[in-house]
Amino acid sequence: MVQVKEFRIMMPMSLEEYGVAQTYMVLKMQRQSTNEAEGVEVLENRPFEDDAYGKGQYTSKLYRLQSKTPSWLTTLAPKDALVMKEESWNAYPRCKTVIKCPYFAKLCVTIETVHLQDNGKSENVHGLNKEQLKARQVEFIDITSPTTDYWSYAVGSSDFDFTKFKSEKTGRGPLLERWQDKCNPVMTAYKLVTINVPYWGFGCKLEQALLAAERALFVESHRNCFRWIDEWFGMTMEQLSELEEQGDCLLNQKIGKLVLLTDTKDCEPRLPDDSKTHLQQVVKT
């Protein structure tokens, strides 16, 4: 049975700020989760243009996360075979990600995201038909509530308390009850996840596991976006794009691979100014 679920994640920031926060968060979390044995390998990172999304950035990555694989899944496949390949088309504020596993050739996870400057109450932002809307489940995610299941542990969930946090640079926070209706600015990431694992006997269980894993990743990554606001606030997308390219190169050096870039540059980070100390630490780690 195909799993279809829409996650709505509200954030106390503007649409423009979220674009910066997301890029910074991805760069930092990838660096933290990669070592010589496993982690993220960037295969390709280049501009793209098509009729569906217009202009954006295409990336292709491999995720080797053997240590995070649940024990029941290792009975179906060896750990070193559980490598996920991700392709993403980022034409912010619209994005699409497709995840596949070469070992399970029929497995497919699709994540379609629309980002809007609202409080999560827009309906059918993905333009679904009646049948799709009937099959779709909707869940609102509150970033102040960390999860405690297996997958939260696997992605490295923190117990950071947003009810006691206030940003020094923006003055935002603490995030108290019903903060979504009180904060200004506020925006929402509408993430439509479709998971299909058409294998008899274990397909449904694996679909549910993948959906739980994506949910845990959505929660922790968005918690980090706001948790790290004083690190990325004030940076521009141009600055982050250069650091992202350098980060891809360093990431692959860490895992022992080469990155394919359309405009390959020296891997030594060149920061725009001394105020980017936090990101310098991220890139060099």
Protein backbone atom coordinates (compact mmCIF):
# COMPACT_ATOMS: atom_id res chain seq x y z
CA MET A 1 0.00 0.00 0.00
CA VAL A 2 1.42 3.37 -1.01
CA GLN A 3 1.89 5.77 1.91
CA VAL A 4 0.92 9.42 1.21
CA LYS A 5 1.28 12.01 3.95
CA GLU A 6 1.62 15.78 4.06
CA PHE A 7 3.67 17.30 6.87
CA ARG A 8 3.14 20.98 7.65
CA ILE A 9 6.04 22.54 9.52
CA MET A 10 5.68 26.13 10.69
CA MET A 11 8.76 28.25 11.35
CA PRO A 12 9.21 31.64 13.09
CA MET A 13 10.95 33.31 10.16
CA SER A 14 10.30 34.81 6.75
CA LEU A 15 10.33 32.87 3.50
CA GLU A 16 13.63 34.50 2.51
CA GLU A 17 15.21 33.74 5.89
CA TYR A 18 14.13 30.10 5.69
CA GLY A 19 15.99 29.67 2.39
CA VAL A 20 19.21 30.72 4.16
CA ALA A 21 18.43 28.68 7.29
CA GLN A 22 17.75 25.51 5.32
CA THR A 23 20.97 25.76 3.30
CA TYR A 24 23.03 26.38 6.43
CA MET A 25 21.32 23.54 8.30
CA VAL A 26 21.89 20.99 5.50
CA LEU A 27 25.56 21.92 5.26
CA LYS A 28 26.11 21.66 9.02
CA MET A 29 24.12 18.44 9.56
CA GLN A 30 25.87 16.71 6.65
CA ARG A 31 29.26 17.60 8.10
CA GLN A 32 28.24 16.34 11.53
CA SER A 33 26.96 12.98 10.25
CA THR A 34 29.81 12.10 7.86
CA ASN A 35 33.00 10.20 8.66
CA GLU A 36 35.31 7.82 6.82
CA ALA A 37 32.90 4.89 7.25
CA GLU A 38 29.52 6.40 6.44
CA GLY A 39 27.59 9.57 5.78
CA VAL A 40 26.85 11.74 2.75
CA GLU A 41 28.67 11.63 -0.59
CA VAL A 42 27.87 14.39 -3.09
CA LEU A 43 27.88 13.01 -6.64
CA GLU A 44 26.70 16.08 -8.53
CA ASN A 45 25.74 19.68 -7.77
CA ARG A 46 24.78 21.89 -10.71
CA PRO A 47 22.16 24.39 -11.94
CA PHE A 48 19.12 23.06 -13.79
CA GLU A 49 16.18 24.45 -15.74
CA ASP A 50 12.99 22.70 -16.85
CA ASP A 51 9.36 23.44 -17.65
CA ALA A 52 8.00 22.10 -14.35
CA TYR A 53 10.17 24.00 -11.87
CA GLY A 54 11.96 26.65 -13.86
CA LYS A 55 15.50 27.43 -12.73
CA GLY A 56 17.11 25.88 -9.69
CA GLN A 57 19.88 23.67 -8.33
CA TYR A 58 20.10 19.92 -8.98
CA THR A 59 21.98 17.66 -6.55
CA SER A 60 22.67 13.94 -6.52
CA LYS A 61 23.88 12.30 -3.30
CA LEU A 62 24.54 8.90 -1.76
CA TYR A 63 23.66 8.24 1.88
CA ARG A 64 25.60 5.46 3.62
CA LEU A 65 23.94 5.17 7.01
CA GLN A 66 24.54 1.55 7.94
CA SER A 67 24.80 2.16 11.69
CA LYS A 68 21.31 3.69 11.68
CA THR A 69 19.64 0.70 10.02
CA PRO A 70 17.13 -1.14 12.27
CA SER A 71 18.14 -4.71 13.07
CA TRP A 72 15.05 -6.27 11.43
CA LEU A 73 16.01 -4.73 8.08
CA THR A 74 19.51 -6.26 8.16
CA THR A 75 17.85 -9.68 8.00
CA LEU A 76 16.59 -8.79 4.51
CA ALA A 77 19.78 -7.24 3.14
CA PRO A 78 23.42 -6.82 4.18
CA LYS A 79 24.22 -3.51 5.86
CA ASP A 80 26.63 -2.41 3.13
CA ALA A 81 23.85 -2.82 0.55
CA LEU A 82 21.55 -0.35 2.29
CA VAL A 83 22.74 2.74 0.46
CA MET A 84 20.18 5.39 -0.49
CA LYS A 85 20.52 7.54 -3.60
CA GLU A 86 18.89 10.96 -3.48
CA GLU A 87 18.15 13.32 -6.36
CA SER A 88 16.85 16.82 -5.60
CA TRP A 89 15.57 19.67 -7.72
CA ASN A 90 15.61 22.82 -5.60
CA ALA A 91 13.78 25.71 -7.24
CA TYR A 92 12.96 27.42 -3.95
CA PRO A 93 10.26 27.99 -2.81
CA ARG A 94 9.37 24.73 -4.62
CA CYS A 95 11.48 21.60 -4.29
CA LYS A 96 11.31 17.93 -5.23
CA THR A 97 13.37 15.05 -3.86
CA VAL A 98 13.40 11.42 -5.04
CA ILE A 99 15.10 8.74 -2.94
CA LYS A 100 15.82 5.21 -4.16
CA CYS A 101 17.79 2.18 -2.97
CA PRO A 102 19.74 0.19 -5.59
CA TYR A 103 19.38 -3.01 -3.53
CA PHE A 104 15.57 -2.67 -3.47
CA ALA A 105 15.12 -1.45 -7.02
CA LYS A 106 11.34 -0.89 -6.74
CA LEU A 107 11.56 1.26 -3.61
CA CYS A 108 10.80 4.94 -4.19
CA VAL A 109 10.35 7.88 -1.82
CA THR A 110 9.18 11.19 -3.30
CA ILE A 111 9.09 14.43 -1.29
CA GLU A 112 7.44 17.45 -2.89
CA THR A 113 7.76 20.68 -0.92
CA VAL A 114 6.03 24.03 -1.23
CA HIS A 115 7.10 26.86 1.08
CA LEU A 116 4.61 29.64 1.82
CA GLN A 117 4.54 32.75 4.01
CA ASP A 118 1.55 31.57 6.06
CA ASN A 119 0.62 29.73 9.27
CA GLY A 120 -0.03 26.29 7.80
CA LYS A 121 -3.69 26.69 6.93
CA SER A 122 -3.45 26.70 3.12
CA GLU A 123 -5.19 23.69 1.60
CA ASN A 124 -4.09 21.59 -1.38
CA VAL A 125 -0.94 23.58 -2.13
CA HIS A 126 0.28 20.60 -4.18
CA GLY A 127 -2.72 20.63 -6.53
CA LEU A 128 -3.90 17.09 -5.77
CA ASN A 129 -6.98 15.57 -7.39
CA LYS A 130 -9.95 14.20 -5.40
CA GLU A 131 -8.57 10.67 -5.16
CA GLN A 132 -5.17 11.91 -4.01
CA LEU A 133 -6.74 14.22 -1.44
CA LYS A 134 -8.78 11.33 -0.08
CA ALA A 135 -5.65 9.19 0.33
CA ARG A 136 -3.54 11.99 1.83
CA GLN A 137 -3.00 12.26 5.57
CA VAL A 138 -2.03 15.63 7.10
CA GLU A 139 0.10 16.16 10.20
CA PHE A 140 1.14 19.47 11.76
CA ILE A 141 4.63 19.36 13.23
CA ASP A 142 5.50 21.61 16.18
CA ILE A 143 9.26 22.20 16.33
CA THR A 144 9.04 22.79 20.10
CA SER A 145 8.10 19.12 20.62
CA PRO A 146 11.03 16.73 20.01
CA THR A 147 10.21 13.09 19.27
CA THR A 148 11.65 10.12 21.15
CA ASP A 149 11.19 7.11 18.86
CA TYR A 150 13.92 4.95 17.28
CA TRP A 151 14.32 7.19 14.25
CA SER A 152 14.66 10.32 16.35
CA TYR A 153 17.60 8.65 18.08
CA ALA A 154 19.01 7.60 14.70
CA VAL A 155 19.00 11.14 13.28
CA GLY A 156 20.48 12.58 16.47
CA SER A 157 17.51 14.28 18.08
CA SER A 158 18.32 16.88 20.75
CA ASP A 159 16.32 17.91 23.81
CA PHE A 160 16.86 21.63 23.18
CA ASP A 161 14.15 23.63 24.99
CA PHE A 162 12.66 26.36 22.78
CA THR A 163 10.44 27.59 25.61
CA LYS A 164 13.62 28.98 27.21
CA PHE A 165 15.43 30.14 24.07
CA LYS A 166 15.64 33.69 22.78
CA SER A 167 17.67 34.66 19.74
CA GLU A 168 20.28 37.32 20.50
CA LYS A 169 20.35 38.64 16.94
CA THR A 170 16.62 38.69 16.20
CA GLY A 171 14.95 38.76 19.61
CA ARG A 172 12.68 35.89 18.55
CA GLY A 173 11.60 33.42 21.18
CA PRO A 174 10.89 31.88 23.51
CA LEU A 175 8.37 29.72 21.64
CA LEU A 176 5.49 29.26 24.05
CA GLU A 177 2.07 27.64 23.65
CA ARG A 178 0.34 28.50 20.35
CA TRP A 179 3.42 30.38 19.18
CA GLN A 180 2.40 29.71 15.56
CA ASP A 181 -0.51 32.15 15.92
CA LYS A 182 1.52 34.78 17.74
CA CYS A 183 4.86 34.97 15.92
CA ASN A 184 5.57 37.44 13.15
CA PRO A 185 7.02 36.50 10.72
CA VAL A 186 5.90 32.89 10.32
CA MET A 187 6.11 30.55 7.31
CA THR A 188 5.26 26.94 6.51
CA ALA A 189 7.00 24.10 4.71
CA TYR A 190 4.33 21.84 3.15
CA LYS A 191 6.04 18.47 2.56
CA LEU A 192 4.08 15.84 0.63
CA VAL A 193 5.71 12.44 1.11
CA THR A 194 4.82 9.50 -1.13
CA ILE A 195 6.41 6.14 -0.32
CA ASN A 196 6.06 3.00 -2.40
CA VAL A 197 7.80 -0.28 -1.51
CA PRO A 198 5.94 -2.90 -3.61
CA TYR A 199 7.45 -6.02 -2.03
CA TRP A 200 5.29 -8.81 -0.64
CA GLY A 201 5.78 -9.65 3.02
CA PHE A 202 7.82 -6.65 4.19
CA GLY A 203 6.87 -3.76 1.89
CA CYS A 204 4.28 -2.25 4.23
CA LYS A 205 6.59 -2.44 7.26
CA LEU A 206 9.41 -0.78 5.33
CA GLU A 207 7.06 1.94 4.07
CA GLN A 208 6.03 2.74 7.63
CA ALA A 209 9.67 2.76 8.76
CA LEU A 210 10.68 5.13 5.97
CA LEU A 211 7.77 7.45 6.76
CA ALA A 212 8.79 7.53 10.43
CA ALA A 213 12.39 8.20 9.43
CA GLU A 214 11.42 11.12 7.20
CA ARG A 215 9.23 12.57 9.95
CA ALA A 216 12.07 12.37 12.48
CA LEU A 217 14.42 14.07 10.01
CA PHE A 218 11.88 16.83 9.31
CA VAL A 219 11.48 17.48 13.04
CA GLU A 220 15.18 17.60 13.89
CA SER A 221 16.29 19.53 10.81
CA HIS A 222 13.69 22.24 11.35
CA ARG A 223 14.46 22.42 15.06
CA ASN A 224 18.07 23.02 14.06
CA CYS A 225 17.08 25.75 11.60
CA PHE A 226 15.73 27.85 14.46
CA ARG A 227 18.19 26.62 17.08
CA TRP A 228 21.08 27.87 14.91
CA ILE A 229 19.43 31.18 13.91
CA ASP A 230 22.18 33.29 15.50
CA GLU A 231 24.75 31.44 13.39
CA TRP A 232 23.14 31.96 9.97
CA PHE A 233 21.14 35.16 10.44
CA GLY A 234 22.56 37.96 8.30
CA MET A 235 24.21 35.68 5.75
CA THR A 236 23.24 35.81 2.08
CA MET A 237 22.44 32.96 -0.29
CA GLU A 238 25.44 33.99 -2.41
CA GLN A 239 27.78 33.51 0.54
CA LEU A 240 26.20 30.18 1.43
CA SER A 241 26.30 28.93 -2.18
CA GLU A 242 30.07 29.36 -2.29
CA LEU A 243 30.50 27.71 1.09
CA GLU A 244 28.14 24.89 0.04
CA GLU A 245 30.34 24.13 -2.96
CA GLN A 246 33.46 24.14 -0.82
CA GLY A 247 31.60 22.02 1.73
CA ASP A 248 30.71 19.41 -0.93
CA CYS A 249 34.36 19.06 -1.80
CA LEU A 250 35.43 18.76 1.84
CA LEU A 251 32.57 16.36 2.56
CA ASN A 252 33.76 13.97 -0.13
CA GLN A 253 37.36 14.28 1.02
CA LYS A 254 36.16 13.20 4.47
CA ILE A 255 34.45 10.09 3.08
CA GLY A 256 37.25 9.51 0.55
CA LYS A 257 35.47 10.39 -2.70
CA LEU A 258 35.64 13.07 -5.40
CA VAL A 259 32.79 15.48 -6.09
CA LEU A 260 31.56 16.35 -9.57
CA LEU A 261 30.91 20.09 -9.91
CA THR A 262 30.26 22.22 -12.95
CA ASP A 263 32.75 24.80 -11.69
CA THR A 264 35.24 23.00 -9.44
CA LYS A 265 37.04 25.23 -6.94
CA ASP A 266 39.74 24.82 -4.35
CA CYS A 267 38.39 23.03 -1.27
CA GLU A 268 39.95 25.54 1.10
CA PRO A 269 37.08 27.63 2.51
CA ARG A 270 37.10 31.35 1.63
CA LEU A 271 34.79 33.06 4.06
CA PRO A 272 33.30 36.44 3.13
CA ASP A 273 34.24 38.07 6.46
CA ASP A 274 35.30 37.38 10.02
CA SER A 275 31.70 37.28 11.26
CA LYS A 276 31.17 33.79 9.76
CA THR A 277 33.10 31.97 12.50
CA HIS A 278 30.37 29.40 13.12
CA LEU A 279 30.17 28.29 9.49
CA GLN A 280 33.96 28.21 9.23
CA GLN A 281 33.94 25.71 12.07
CA VAL A 282 31.27 23.67 10.27
CA VAL A 283 33.17 23.52 6.96
CA LYS A 284 36.51 22.67 8.53
CA THR A 285 35.22 20.04 10.98
